């Protein structure tokens, strides 16, 4: 086998690791589906900004015990083989990280559950997310996967050409030309697939590994 050419592989969560949007599933379980559908419709019509969209998603979990949120995260439909894929990436000498607009309490759960070593992608000020075990109302929200990726690359001393991002949304497509490889995974958005170097439909994340093993990094035309 050729040497593994990447040193960092980042993953989106919702729609990438999950089958369908994780916040839709959470809203269904909490009886708050109309809240999700309202903001999702505005966002996909480009009426609502990504920051506002995320703030309204986070509000779905307001007042809920974090233990209940964690239980819903466990039952959220996901791709098979996530932990195994993370382990194999580590065995290849690379780090697997999360690059997501999700709050800390979601990213931390996924990292602990599946072995991701770090996460980034959202800055929401200093407002506490959880107090006395209860999810708090969201404070000001500012998303930023490009900035988050820059911080992760600096943290692990990885050049953009040595990094891969795997995702399914518009914010993920923005990253694809900035890295050695961009993978659109189970995306329903033609513009995301068009921006990617590789387009995959997978039910088991382990199907990504042979693609990464064969891939040759490109020289990113767009700087971070």
N, C-alpha and C. Protein backbone atom coordinates (compact mmCIF):
# COMPACT_ATOMS: atom_id res chain seq x y z
N UNK A 1 0.84 -1.19 0.00
CA UNK A 1 0.00 0.00 0.00
C UNK A 1 0.88 1.24 0.00
N UNK A 2 0.47 2.27 -0.74
CA UNK A 2 1.19 3.53 -0.75
C UNK A 2 1.11 4.19 0.62
N UNK A 3 2.11 5.00 0.98
CA UNK A 3 2.04 5.71 2.26
C UNK A 3 0.80 6.59 2.31
N UNK A 4 0.21 6.68 3.50
CA UNK A 4 -0.95 7.54 3.68
C UNK A 4 -0.49 8.99 3.56
N UNK A 5 -1.16 9.76 2.71
CA UNK A 5 -0.66 11.07 2.32
C UNK A 5 -1.26 12.22 3.14
N UNK A 6 -2.12 11.90 4.09
CA UNK A 6 -2.80 12.95 4.85
C UNK A 6 -2.45 12.85 6.33
N UNK A 7 -2.47 13.99 6.99
CA UNK A 7 -2.13 14.02 8.41
C UNK A 7 -3.31 14.46 9.28
N UNK A 8 -4.36 14.97 8.67
CA UNK A 8 -5.55 15.39 9.42
C UNK A 8 -6.78 15.16 8.56
N UNK A 9 -7.79 14.54 9.14
CA UNK A 9 -9.06 14.30 8.47
C UNK A 9 -10.16 14.88 9.35
N UNK A 10 -10.87 15.87 8.84
CA UNK A 10 -11.94 16.50 9.61
C UNK A 10 -13.30 16.08 9.07
N UNK A 11 -14.26 16.00 9.98
CA UNK A 11 -15.60 15.53 9.66
C UNK A 11 -16.65 16.52 10.15
N UNK A 12 -17.61 16.83 9.30
CA UNK A 12 -18.85 17.44 9.71
C UNK A 12 -19.64 16.38 10.50
N UNK A 13 -20.64 16.82 11.25
CA UNK A 13 -21.48 15.87 12.00
C UNK A 13 -22.83 15.66 11.33
N UNK A 14 -23.66 16.71 11.31
CA UNK A 14 -25.05 16.54 10.87
C UNK A 14 -25.16 16.30 9.37
N UNK A 15 -25.75 15.17 9.02
CA UNK A 15 -25.89 14.81 7.61
C UNK A 15 -24.67 14.10 7.06
N UNK A 16 -23.58 14.08 7.83
CA UNK A 16 -22.36 13.39 7.42
C UNK A 16 -22.15 12.15 8.26
N UNK A 17 -22.01 12.33 9.55
CA UNK A 17 -21.95 11.18 10.46
C UNK A 17 -23.34 10.67 10.80
N UNK A 18 -24.33 11.56 10.74
CA UNK A 18 -25.71 11.16 11.02
C UNK A 18 -26.46 10.90 9.72
N UNK A 19 -27.47 10.07 9.81
CA UNK A 19 -28.33 9.80 8.66
C UNK A 19 -29.52 10.77 8.77
N UNK A 20 -29.44 11.84 8.00
CA UNK A 20 -30.37 12.94 8.18
C UNK A 20 -29.78 13.92 9.18
N UNK A 21 -30.45 15.03 9.36
CA UNK A 21 -29.91 16.07 10.24
C UNK A 21 -30.17 15.70 11.70
N UNK A 22 -29.11 15.72 12.50
CA UNK A 22 -29.23 15.35 13.89
C UNK A 22 -30.17 16.24 14.67
N UNK A 23 -30.23 17.53 14.31
CA UNK A 23 -31.11 18.44 15.04
C UNK A 23 -32.57 18.20 14.69
N UNK A 24 -32.84 17.69 13.52
CA UNK A 24 -34.21 17.31 13.20
C UNK A 24 -34.66 16.15 14.09
N UNK A 25 -33.78 15.17 14.24
CA UNK A 25 -34.11 14.02 15.09
C UNK A 25 -34.30 14.48 16.53
N UNK A 26 -33.42 15.35 17.01
CA UNK A 26 -33.54 15.84 18.38
C UNK A 26 -34.85 16.60 18.56
N UNK A 27 -35.20 17.43 17.58
CA UNK A 27 -36.45 18.20 17.67
C UNK A 27 -37.65 17.26 17.70
N UNK A 28 -37.62 16.20 16.89
CA UNK A 28 -38.71 15.22 16.90
C UNK A 28 -38.85 14.58 18.28
N UNK A 29 -37.73 14.21 18.88
CA UNK A 29 -37.77 13.52 20.17
C UNK A 29 -38.25 14.45 21.29
N UNK A 30 -38.03 15.74 21.12
CA UNK A 30 -38.43 16.71 22.14
C UNK A 30 -39.81 17.32 21.87
N UNK A 31 -40.46 16.91 20.79
CA UNK A 31 -41.76 17.47 20.44
C UNK A 31 -41.65 18.91 19.94
N UNK A 32 -40.51 19.26 19.36
CA UNK A 32 -40.27 20.63 18.90
C UNK A 32 -39.96 20.67 17.40
N UNK A 33 -40.51 19.72 16.65
CA UNK A 33 -40.23 19.65 15.22
C UNK A 33 -40.62 20.93 14.48
N UNK A 34 -41.74 21.60 14.79
CA UNK A 34 -42.06 22.83 14.06
C UNK A 34 -40.96 23.89 14.16
N UNK A 35 -40.26 23.96 15.30
CA UNK A 35 -39.16 24.91 15.42
C UNK A 35 -38.06 24.59 14.42
N UNK A 36 -37.74 23.30 14.31
CA UNK A 36 -36.70 22.90 13.35
C UNK A 36 -37.14 23.21 11.93
N UNK A 37 -38.34 22.84 11.57
CA UNK A 37 -38.80 23.00 10.19
C UNK A 37 -38.88 24.47 9.79
N UNK A 38 -39.24 25.34 10.73
CA UNK A 38 -39.35 26.76 10.41
C UNK A 38 -37.99 27.34 10.06
N UNK A 39 -36.99 27.09 10.89
CA UNK A 39 -35.67 27.65 10.61
C UNK A 39 -35.00 26.96 9.42
N UNK A 40 -35.23 25.66 9.25
CA UNK A 40 -34.64 24.95 8.12
C UNK A 40 -35.17 25.50 6.79
N UNK A 41 -36.46 25.80 6.73
CA UNK A 41 -37.04 26.34 5.50
C UNK A 41 -36.46 27.71 5.18
N UNK A 42 -36.32 28.56 6.17
CA UNK A 42 -35.77 29.90 5.94
C UNK A 42 -34.30 29.82 5.52
N UNK A 43 -33.57 28.93 6.14
CA UNK A 43 -32.14 28.81 5.81
C UNK A 43 -31.94 28.32 4.38
N UNK A 44 -32.69 27.32 3.97
CA UNK A 44 -32.50 26.78 2.63
C UNK A 44 -33.06 27.69 1.54
N UNK A 45 -33.85 28.68 1.92
CA UNK A 45 -34.27 29.70 0.97
C UNK A 45 -33.35 30.92 1.02
N UNK A 46 -32.27 30.79 1.81
CA UNK A 46 -31.29 31.88 1.98
C UNK A 46 -31.92 33.14 2.56
N UNK A 47 -32.99 32.95 3.33
CA UNK A 47 -33.61 34.08 4.02
C UNK A 47 -32.93 34.30 5.36
N UNK A 48 -32.47 33.24 5.98
CA UNK A 48 -31.88 33.28 7.31
C UNK A 48 -30.39 32.98 7.19
N UNK A 49 -29.56 33.76 7.87
CA UNK A 49 -28.12 33.53 7.85
C UNK A 49 -27.78 32.25 8.60
N UNK A 50 -26.57 31.75 8.36
CA UNK A 50 -26.15 30.54 9.06
C UNK A 50 -26.05 30.78 10.57
N UNK A 51 -25.59 31.95 10.97
CA UNK A 51 -25.53 32.26 12.40
C UNK A 51 -26.92 32.22 13.04
N UNK A 52 -27.89 32.87 12.40
CA UNK A 52 -29.24 32.91 12.95
C UNK A 52 -29.87 31.51 12.91
N UNK A 53 -29.63 30.79 11.83
CA UNK A 53 -30.14 29.43 11.72
C UNK A 53 -29.62 28.57 12.88
N UNK A 54 -28.33 28.66 13.15
CA UNK A 54 -27.77 27.86 14.22
C UNK A 54 -28.29 28.30 15.58
N UNK A 55 -28.44 29.61 15.78
CA UNK A 55 -28.97 30.08 17.06
C UNK A 55 -30.36 29.50 17.30
N UNK A 56 -31.18 29.44 16.26
CA UNK A 56 -32.53 28.90 16.41
C UNK A 56 -32.51 27.38 16.59
N UNK A 57 -31.55 26.70 15.98
CA UNK A 57 -31.41 25.26 16.23
C UNK A 57 -31.04 25.01 17.68
N UNK A 58 -30.07 25.77 18.18
CA UNK A 58 -29.63 25.57 19.56
C UNK A 58 -30.76 25.84 20.55
N UNK A 59 -31.66 26.73 20.19
CA UNK A 59 -32.77 27.05 21.08
C UNK A 59 -33.72 25.87 21.25
N UNK A 60 -33.68 24.92 20.31
CA UNK A 60 -34.53 23.72 20.42
C UNK A 60 -34.21 22.95 21.70
N UNK A 61 -32.94 22.97 22.11
CA UNK A 61 -32.54 22.20 23.29
C UNK A 61 -32.63 23.01 24.58
N UNK A 62 -33.07 24.25 24.50
CA UNK A 62 -33.14 25.11 25.67
C UNK A 62 -34.01 24.49 26.76
N UNK A 63 -33.48 24.46 27.99
CA UNK A 63 -34.23 23.96 29.14
C UNK A 63 -34.26 22.45 29.30
N UNK A 64 -33.55 21.73 28.44
CA UNK A 64 -33.56 20.27 28.48
C UNK A 64 -32.38 19.77 29.30
N UNK A 65 -32.57 18.78 30.15
CA UNK A 65 -31.42 18.19 30.88
C UNK A 65 -30.39 17.65 29.89
N UNK A 66 -29.13 17.92 30.15
CA UNK A 66 -28.09 17.47 29.22
C UNK A 66 -28.05 15.94 29.16
N UNK A 67 -28.45 15.27 30.23
CA UNK A 67 -28.49 13.81 30.20
C UNK A 67 -29.50 13.32 29.16
N UNK A 68 -30.62 14.03 29.03
CA UNK A 68 -31.62 13.65 28.03
C UNK A 68 -31.09 13.92 26.63
N UNK A 69 -30.39 15.05 26.44
CA UNK A 69 -29.78 15.35 25.14
C UNK A 69 -28.79 14.26 24.77
N UNK A 70 -27.96 13.86 25.71
CA UNK A 70 -26.99 12.80 25.43
C UNK A 70 -27.68 11.50 25.05
N UNK A 71 -28.78 11.18 25.69
CA UNK A 71 -29.53 9.98 25.32
C UNK A 71 -30.06 10.05 23.90
N UNK A 72 -30.51 11.23 23.49
CA UNK A 72 -31.00 11.41 22.12
C UNK A 72 -29.85 11.32 21.13
N UNK A 73 -28.70 11.89 21.48
CA UNK A 73 -27.53 11.77 20.60
C UNK A 73 -27.15 10.31 20.40
N UNK A 74 -27.24 9.52 21.45
CA UNK A 74 -26.91 8.09 21.33
C UNK A 74 -27.86 7.39 20.37
N UNK A 75 -29.14 7.75 20.40
CA UNK A 75 -30.13 7.07 19.56
C UNK A 75 -30.29 7.68 18.18
N UNK A 76 -29.63 8.80 17.91
CA UNK A 76 -29.72 9.42 16.58
C UNK A 76 -29.20 8.46 15.53
N UNK A 77 -29.93 8.23 14.44
CA UNK A 77 -29.43 7.35 13.38
C UNK A 77 -28.10 7.87 12.80
N UNK A 78 -27.13 6.98 12.71
CA UNK A 78 -25.79 7.36 12.25
C UNK A 78 -25.26 6.33 11.26
N UNK A 79 -24.20 6.73 10.57
CA UNK A 79 -23.51 5.76 9.73
C UNK A 79 -22.86 4.70 10.62
N UNK A 80 -22.75 3.50 10.09
CA UNK A 80 -22.01 2.46 10.78
C UNK A 80 -20.51 2.76 10.68
N UNK A 81 -19.74 2.17 11.59
CA UNK A 81 -18.29 2.17 11.45
C UNK A 81 -17.58 3.47 11.76
N UNK A 82 -18.21 4.37 12.54
CA UNK A 82 -17.55 5.65 12.82
C UNK A 82 -16.31 5.43 13.69
N UNK A 83 -16.47 4.76 14.81
CA UNK A 83 -15.33 4.55 15.71
C UNK A 83 -14.22 3.76 15.02
N UNK A 84 -14.60 2.78 14.23
CA UNK A 84 -13.59 1.98 13.53
C UNK A 84 -12.82 2.82 12.52
N UNK A 85 -13.51 3.73 11.85
CA UNK A 85 -12.85 4.61 10.89
C UNK A 85 -11.88 5.55 11.58
N UNK A 86 -12.31 6.12 12.70
CA UNK A 86 -11.43 7.01 13.46
C UNK A 86 -10.18 6.25 13.90
N UNK A 87 -10.35 5.03 14.37
CA UNK A 87 -9.21 4.23 14.80
C UNK A 87 -8.25 3.95 13.64
N UNK A 88 -8.79 3.63 12.46
CA UNK A 88 -7.95 3.34 11.31
C UNK A 88 -7.21 4.60 10.83
N UNK A 89 -7.84 5.75 10.92
CA UNK A 89 -7.15 7.00 10.57
C UNK A 89 -5.97 7.21 11.51
N UNK A 90 -6.19 6.97 12.80
CA UNK A 90 -5.11 7.08 13.78
C UNK A 90 -3.98 6.09 13.46
N UNK A 91 -4.34 4.88 13.08
CA UNK A 91 -3.32 3.88 12.76
C UNK A 91 -2.50 4.26 11.53
N UNK A 92 -3.07 5.09 10.68
CA UNK A 92 -2.36 5.57 9.49
C UNK A 92 -1.49 6.79 9.80
N UNK A 93 -1.46 7.20 11.04
CA UNK A 93 -0.60 8.30 11.44
C UNK A 93 -1.23 9.67 11.30
N UNK A 94 -2.55 9.73 11.12
CA UNK A 94 -3.25 11.01 11.00
C UNK A 94 -4.17 11.20 12.20
N UNK A 95 -4.69 12.43 12.35
CA UNK A 95 -5.64 12.71 13.42
C UNK A 95 -7.02 12.90 12.80
N UNK A 96 -8.02 12.39 13.48
CA UNK A 96 -9.42 12.56 13.06
C UNK A 96 -10.08 13.57 14.00
N UNK A 97 -10.63 14.63 13.44
CA UNK A 97 -11.22 15.71 14.23
C UNK A 97 -12.61 16.03 13.71
N UNK A 98 -13.37 16.76 14.53
CA UNK A 98 -14.69 17.23 14.14
C UNK A 98 -14.60 18.70 13.75
N UNK A 99 -15.20 19.05 12.63
CA UNK A 99 -15.30 20.44 12.20
C UNK A 99 -16.78 20.70 11.98
N UNK A 100 -17.41 21.29 12.97
CA UNK A 100 -18.86 21.33 13.04
C UNK A 100 -19.33 22.63 13.64
N UNK A 101 -20.53 23.04 13.26
CA UNK A 101 -21.16 24.20 13.88
C UNK A 101 -21.94 23.82 15.14
N UNK A 102 -21.82 22.59 15.57
CA UNK A 102 -22.52 22.15 16.77
C UNK A 102 -21.89 22.76 18.02
N UNK A 103 -22.67 22.87 19.10
CA UNK A 103 -22.13 23.41 20.35
C UNK A 103 -21.16 22.42 20.99
N UNK A 104 -20.46 22.94 21.99
CA UNK A 104 -19.47 22.13 22.70
C UNK A 104 -20.07 20.84 23.23
N UNK A 105 -21.28 20.90 23.80
CA UNK A 105 -21.81 19.70 24.45
C UNK A 105 -22.15 18.60 23.45
N UNK A 106 -22.41 18.94 22.20
CA UNK A 106 -22.62 17.93 21.17
C UNK A 106 -21.29 17.39 20.66
N UNK A 107 -20.37 18.31 20.32
CA UNK A 107 -19.06 17.87 19.80
C UNK A 107 -18.31 17.03 20.83
N UNK A 108 -18.38 17.44 22.10
CA UNK A 108 -17.69 16.69 23.15
C UNK A 108 -18.26 15.28 23.25
N UNK A 109 -19.59 15.14 23.10
CA UNK A 109 -20.20 13.81 23.16
C UNK A 109 -19.70 12.94 22.01
N UNK A 110 -19.70 13.47 20.79
CA UNK A 110 -19.24 12.70 19.64
C UNK A 110 -17.77 12.34 19.77
N UNK A 111 -16.95 13.27 20.27
CA UNK A 111 -15.53 12.99 20.44
C UNK A 111 -15.32 11.85 21.43
N UNK A 112 -16.01 11.92 22.55
CA UNK A 112 -15.88 10.89 23.58
C UNK A 112 -16.44 9.55 23.09
N UNK A 113 -17.54 9.59 22.37
CA UNK A 113 -18.20 8.35 21.94
C UNK A 113 -17.44 7.63 20.85
N UNK A 114 -16.79 8.39 19.95
CA UNK A 114 -16.20 7.75 18.76
C UNK A 114 -14.69 7.93 18.64
N UNK A 115 -14.07 8.70 19.52
CA UNK A 115 -12.61 8.77 19.53
C UNK A 115 -11.99 9.93 18.78
N UNK A 116 -12.77 10.91 18.35
CA UNK A 116 -12.19 12.10 17.72
C UNK A 116 -11.35 12.84 18.75
N UNK A 117 -10.21 13.41 18.30
CA UNK A 117 -9.27 13.98 19.26
C UNK A 117 -9.52 15.46 19.54
N UNK A 118 -10.30 16.13 18.70
CA UNK A 118 -10.54 17.57 18.88
C UNK A 118 -11.73 17.98 18.04
N UNK A 119 -12.17 19.22 18.26
CA UNK A 119 -13.25 19.77 17.45
C UNK A 119 -13.13 21.28 17.41
N UNK A 120 -13.76 21.87 16.37
CA UNK A 120 -13.79 23.33 16.23
C UNK A 120 -14.86 23.65 15.20
N UNK A 121 -15.09 24.94 14.97
CA UNK A 121 -16.02 25.35 13.93
C UNK A 121 -17.07 26.35 14.34
N UNK A 122 -17.19 26.61 15.66
CA UNK A 122 -18.17 27.59 16.10
C UNK A 122 -17.61 28.38 17.26
N UNK A 123 -17.89 29.68 17.27
CA UNK A 123 -17.57 30.52 18.41
C UNK A 123 -18.86 31.20 18.84
N UNK A 124 -19.20 31.07 20.11
CA UNK A 124 -20.48 31.63 20.55
C UNK A 124 -20.31 32.47 21.81
N UNK A 125 -19.14 33.10 21.93
CA UNK A 125 -18.93 33.95 23.09
C UNK A 125 -18.68 33.16 24.35
N UNK A 126 -18.89 33.79 25.48
CA UNK A 126 -18.54 33.16 26.75
C UNK A 126 -19.76 32.67 27.52
N UNK A 127 -20.95 32.76 26.93
CA UNK A 127 -22.16 32.33 27.64
C UNK A 127 -22.09 30.82 27.90
N UNK A 128 -22.36 30.38 29.12
CA UNK A 128 -22.32 28.94 29.41
C UNK A 128 -23.42 28.20 28.66
N UNK A 129 -23.07 27.04 28.12
CA UNK A 129 -24.04 26.24 27.38
C UNK A 129 -24.92 25.40 28.29
N UNK A 130 -24.33 24.93 29.38
CA UNK A 130 -25.05 24.05 30.31
C UNK A 130 -24.78 24.54 31.73
N UNK A 131 -25.82 24.73 32.52
CA UNK A 131 -25.70 25.15 33.92
C UNK A 131 -26.55 24.21 34.77
N UNK A 132 -25.91 23.65 35.78
CA UNK A 132 -26.62 22.71 36.69
C UNK A 132 -27.32 21.60 35.91
N UNK A 133 -26.66 21.14 34.83
CA UNK A 133 -27.18 20.02 34.07
C UNK A 133 -28.29 20.36 33.10
N UNK A 134 -28.57 21.64 32.91
CA UNK A 134 -29.66 22.07 32.02
C UNK A 134 -29.08 22.90 30.88
N UNK A 135 -29.49 22.61 29.64
CA UNK A 135 -29.04 23.38 28.48
C UNK A 135 -29.63 24.79 28.55
N UNK A 136 -28.76 25.77 28.40
CA UNK A 136 -29.15 27.17 28.52
C UNK A 136 -29.59 27.76 27.17
N UNK A 137 -30.31 28.88 27.18
CA UNK A 137 -30.63 29.58 25.93
C UNK A 137 -29.33 29.96 25.22
N UNK A 138 -29.29 29.89 23.91
CA UNK A 138 -28.05 30.23 23.21
C UNK A 138 -27.72 31.71 23.33
N UNK A 139 -26.46 32.00 23.50
CA UNK A 139 -25.98 33.38 23.44
C UNK A 139 -25.74 33.75 21.99
N UNK A 140 -25.00 34.84 21.76
CA UNK A 140 -24.64 35.20 20.38
C UNK A 140 -23.87 34.07 19.71
N UNK A 141 -24.22 33.77 18.48
CA UNK A 141 -23.62 32.66 17.76
C UNK A 141 -22.85 33.18 16.56
N UNK A 142 -21.64 32.68 16.41
CA UNK A 142 -20.84 33.03 15.23
C UNK A 142 -20.17 31.76 14.73
N UNK A 143 -20.62 31.30 13.56
CA UNK A 143 -20.05 30.08 12.99
C UNK A 143 -18.81 30.44 12.19
N UNK A 144 -18.00 29.44 11.89
CA UNK A 144 -16.80 29.72 11.11
C UNK A 144 -15.95 28.48 10.92
N UNK A 145 -16.28 27.67 9.92
CA UNK A 145 -15.49 26.46 9.69
C UNK A 145 -14.11 26.79 9.11
N UNK A 146 -14.00 27.85 8.33
CA UNK A 146 -12.69 28.20 7.78
C UNK A 146 -11.75 28.57 8.92
N UNK A 147 -12.23 29.43 9.83
CA UNK A 147 -11.40 29.81 10.97
C UNK A 147 -11.12 28.61 11.87
N UNK A 148 -12.13 27.76 12.07
CA UNK A 148 -11.94 26.57 12.88
C UNK A 148 -10.91 25.63 12.29
N UNK A 149 -10.97 25.45 10.98
CA UNK A 149 -9.99 24.60 10.31
C UNK A 149 -8.59 25.18 10.46
N UNK A 150 -8.46 26.49 10.31
CA UNK A 150 -7.15 27.12 10.47
C UNK A 150 -6.58 26.85 11.85
N UNK A 151 -7.43 26.93 12.87
CA UNK A 151 -6.95 26.67 14.23
C UNK A 151 -6.53 25.21 14.40
N UNK A 152 -7.28 24.28 13.81
CA UNK A 152 -6.92 22.87 13.92
C UNK A 152 -5.61 22.57 13.18
N UNK A 153 -5.43 23.15 12.00
CA UNK A 153 -4.19 22.94 11.26
C UNK A 153 -3.00 23.49 12.03
N UNK A 154 -3.18 24.65 12.63
CA UNK A 154 -2.09 25.23 13.42
C UNK A 154 -1.80 24.38 14.65
N UNK A 155 -2.85 23.91 15.30
CA UNK A 155 -2.67 23.10 16.51
C UNK A 155 -1.87 21.84 16.24
N UNK A 156 -2.14 21.19 15.10
CA UNK A 156 -1.46 19.94 14.79
C UNK A 156 -0.32 20.11 13.79
N UNK A 157 0.00 21.36 13.45
CA UNK A 157 1.11 21.66 12.54
C UNK A 157 0.98 20.89 11.23
N UNK A 158 -0.20 21.04 10.61
CA UNK A 158 -0.53 20.36 9.35
C UNK A 158 -0.72 21.40 8.26
N UNK A 159 -0.12 21.17 7.10
CA UNK A 159 -0.32 22.05 5.96
C UNK A 159 -1.68 21.77 5.32
N UNK A 160 -2.33 22.77 4.71
CA UNK A 160 -3.63 22.53 4.08
C UNK A 160 -3.61 21.36 3.09
N UNK A 161 -2.54 21.20 2.36
CA UNK A 161 -2.45 20.11 1.38
C UNK A 161 -2.49 18.74 2.06
N UNK A 162 -2.14 18.67 3.34
CA UNK A 162 -2.09 17.40 4.05
C UNK A 162 -3.40 17.09 4.78
N UNK A 163 -4.43 17.91 4.53
CA UNK A 163 -5.69 17.76 5.25
C UNK A 163 -6.83 17.38 4.31
N UNK A 164 -7.80 16.67 4.87
CA UNK A 164 -9.03 16.25 4.19
C UNK A 164 -10.20 16.78 4.99
N UNK A 165 -11.25 17.23 4.30
CA UNK A 165 -12.50 17.50 5.01
C UNK A 165 -13.61 16.69 4.37
N UNK A 166 -14.48 16.12 5.23
CA UNK A 166 -15.60 15.30 4.79
C UNK A 166 -16.88 15.96 5.29
N UNK A 167 -17.78 16.30 4.37
CA UNK A 167 -19.01 16.96 4.79
C UNK A 167 -20.07 16.95 3.72
N UNK A 168 -21.21 17.56 4.04
CA UNK A 168 -22.35 17.49 3.12
C UNK A 168 -23.04 18.83 2.87
N UNK A 169 -22.56 19.92 3.50
CA UNK A 169 -23.29 21.19 3.44
C UNK A 169 -22.52 22.30 2.76
N UNK A 170 -23.18 23.47 2.69
CA UNK A 170 -22.57 24.62 2.03
C UNK A 170 -21.29 25.06 2.73
N UNK A 171 -21.27 25.05 4.05
CA UNK A 171 -20.06 25.45 4.77
C UNK A 171 -18.92 24.47 4.53
N UNK A 172 -19.25 23.21 4.28
CA UNK A 172 -18.22 22.22 3.96
C UNK A 172 -17.66 22.46 2.56
N UNK A 173 -18.53 22.78 1.62
CA UNK A 173 -18.08 23.04 0.25
C UNK A 173 -17.10 24.21 0.20
N UNK A 174 -17.26 25.15 1.11
CA UNK A 174 -16.35 26.29 1.15
C UNK A 174 -14.92 25.85 1.50
N UNK A 175 -14.80 24.74 2.18
CA UNK A 175 -13.48 24.24 2.59
C UNK A 175 -12.80 23.40 1.51
N UNK A 176 -13.58 22.75 0.67
CA UNK A 176 -13.01 21.76 -0.25
C UNK A 176 -11.86 22.31 -1.10
N UNK A 177 -11.98 23.50 -1.71
CA UNK A 177 -10.86 23.97 -2.54
C UNK A 177 -9.67 24.46 -1.73
N UNK A 178 -9.78 24.51 -0.42
CA UNK A 178 -8.70 25.02 0.42
C UNK A 178 -7.80 23.92 0.97
N UNK A 179 -8.12 22.65 0.65
CA UNK A 179 -7.43 21.52 1.24
C UNK A 179 -6.94 20.54 0.18
N UNK A 180 -6.15 19.58 0.65
CA UNK A 180 -5.64 18.58 -0.28
C UNK A 180 -6.72 17.69 -0.85
N UNK A 181 -7.83 17.50 -0.10
CA UNK A 181 -8.93 16.68 -0.59
C UNK A 181 -10.22 17.11 0.08
N UNK A 182 -11.26 17.28 -0.72
CA UNK A 182 -12.60 17.56 -0.21
C UNK A 182 -13.54 16.44 -0.59
N UNK A 183 -14.21 15.85 0.39
CA UNK A 183 -15.09 14.70 0.16
C UNK A 183 -16.52 15.09 0.51
N UNK A 184 -17.40 15.06 -0.47
CA UNK A 184 -18.83 15.26 -0.23
C UNK A 184 -19.42 13.89 0.09
N UNK A 185 -19.96 13.76 1.30
CA UNK A 185 -20.48 12.47 1.75
C UNK A 185 -21.98 12.58 1.98
N UNK A 186 -22.73 11.81 1.19
CA UNK A 186 -24.20 11.74 1.33
C UNK A 186 -24.86 13.11 1.24
N UNK A 187 -24.30 13.98 0.42
CA UNK A 187 -24.87 15.33 0.29
C UNK A 187 -26.06 15.32 -0.66
N UNK A 188 -27.07 16.09 -0.31
CA UNK A 188 -28.25 16.26 -1.15
C UNK A 188 -28.18 17.56 -1.94
N UNK A 189 -27.06 18.26 -1.88
CA UNK A 189 -26.92 19.57 -2.51
C UNK A 189 -25.98 19.48 -3.71
N UNK A 190 -26.47 19.70 -4.92
CA UNK A 190 -25.62 19.58 -6.11
C UNK A 190 -24.39 20.46 -6.06
N UNK A 191 -24.52 21.67 -5.50
CA UNK A 191 -23.37 22.56 -5.48
C UNK A 191 -22.26 22.06 -4.54
N UNK A 192 -22.65 21.30 -3.52
CA UNK A 192 -21.65 20.71 -2.63
C UNK A 192 -20.91 19.59 -3.36
N UNK A 193 -21.64 18.76 -4.05
CA UNK A 193 -21.01 17.69 -4.82
C UNK A 193 -20.12 18.25 -5.92
N UNK A 194 -20.55 19.33 -6.55
CA UNK A 194 -19.75 19.94 -7.61
C UNK A 194 -18.43 20.48 -7.08
N UNK A 195 -18.42 20.95 -5.85
CA UNK A 195 -17.21 21.55 -5.27
C UNK A 195 -16.22 20.50 -4.78
N UNK A 196 -16.68 19.26 -4.59
CA UNK A 196 -15.84 18.23 -3.98
C UNK A 196 -14.89 17.59 -4.98
N UNK A 197 -13.80 17.05 -4.46
CA UNK A 197 -12.89 16.23 -5.28
C UNK A 197 -13.41 14.81 -5.42
N UNK A 198 -14.14 14.35 -4.39
CA UNK A 198 -14.70 13.00 -4.37
C UNK A 198 -16.12 13.10 -3.84
N UNK A 199 -17.05 12.38 -4.47
CA UNK A 199 -18.44 12.33 -4.01
C UNK A 199 -18.75 10.88 -3.65
N UNK A 200 -19.24 10.67 -2.42
CA UNK A 200 -19.51 9.33 -1.93
C UNK A 200 -20.92 9.23 -1.38
N UNK A 201 -21.53 8.06 -1.55
CA UNK A 201 -22.77 7.69 -0.87
C UNK A 201 -22.45 6.45 -0.06
N UNK A 202 -22.50 6.58 1.27
CA UNK A 202 -22.09 5.49 2.13
C UNK A 202 -23.09 5.30 3.27
N UNK A 203 -23.30 4.04 3.64
CA UNK A 203 -24.02 3.73 4.87
C UNK A 203 -23.05 3.35 5.98
N UNK A 204 -21.81 3.01 5.60
CA UNK A 204 -20.77 2.63 6.55
C UNK A 204 -19.55 3.51 6.29
N UNK A 205 -19.13 4.26 7.30
CA UNK A 205 -18.04 5.22 7.10
C UNK A 205 -16.73 4.55 6.74
N UNK A 206 -16.60 3.28 7.03
CA UNK A 206 -15.35 2.58 6.68
C UNK A 206 -15.12 2.56 5.17
N UNK A 207 -16.16 2.78 4.37
CA UNK A 207 -15.98 2.88 2.93
C UNK A 207 -15.15 4.08 2.51
N UNK A 208 -14.95 5.02 3.41
CA UNK A 208 -14.10 6.18 3.12
C UNK A 208 -12.62 5.80 3.09
N UNK A 209 -12.23 4.81 3.87
CA UNK A 209 -10.81 4.51 4.05
C UNK A 209 -10.08 4.15 2.76
N UNK A 210 -10.60 3.26 1.91
CA UNK A 210 -9.87 2.97 0.67
C UNK A 210 -9.76 4.18 -0.25
N UNK A 211 -10.74 5.08 -0.18
CA UNK A 211 -10.68 6.31 -0.98
C UNK A 211 -9.51 7.17 -0.50
N UNK A 212 -9.40 7.33 0.82
CA UNK A 212 -8.29 8.11 1.36
C UNK A 212 -6.94 7.45 1.09
N UNK A 213 -6.91 6.12 1.14
CA UNK A 213 -5.66 5.41 0.89
C UNK A 213 -5.14 5.64 -0.52
N UNK A 214 -6.06 5.77 -1.47
CA UNK A 214 -5.66 5.93 -2.88
C UNK A 214 -5.45 7.39 -3.28
N UNK A 215 -6.03 8.31 -2.52
CA UNK A 215 -6.08 9.70 -2.95
C UNK A 215 -4.70 10.36 -2.95
N UNK A 216 -4.51 11.21 -3.95
CA UNK A 216 -3.30 12.03 -4.05
C UNK A 216 -3.71 13.47 -3.78
N UNK A 217 -3.13 14.14 -2.79
CA UNK A 217 -3.55 15.51 -2.47
C UNK A 217 -3.31 16.46 -3.64
N UNK A 218 -4.23 17.38 -3.80
CA UNK A 218 -4.05 18.44 -4.79
C UNK A 218 -3.39 19.64 -4.12
N UNK A 219 -2.88 20.54 -4.94
CA UNK A 219 -2.39 21.81 -4.41
C UNK A 219 -3.59 22.73 -4.28
N UNK A 220 -3.97 23.13 -3.07
CA UNK A 220 -5.17 23.95 -2.91
C UNK A 220 -5.06 25.28 -3.65
N UNK A 221 -6.02 25.56 -4.53
CA UNK A 221 -5.98 26.83 -5.27
C UNK A 221 -6.43 28.02 -4.44
N UNK A 222 -7.15 27.75 -3.35
CA UNK A 222 -7.72 28.83 -2.54
C UNK A 222 -7.08 28.80 -1.16
N UNK A 223 -6.43 29.87 -0.74
CA UNK A 223 -5.78 29.86 0.59
C UNK A 223 -6.80 29.95 1.70
N UNK A 224 -6.44 29.45 2.86
CA UNK A 224 -7.28 29.59 4.05
C UNK A 224 -7.27 31.04 4.53
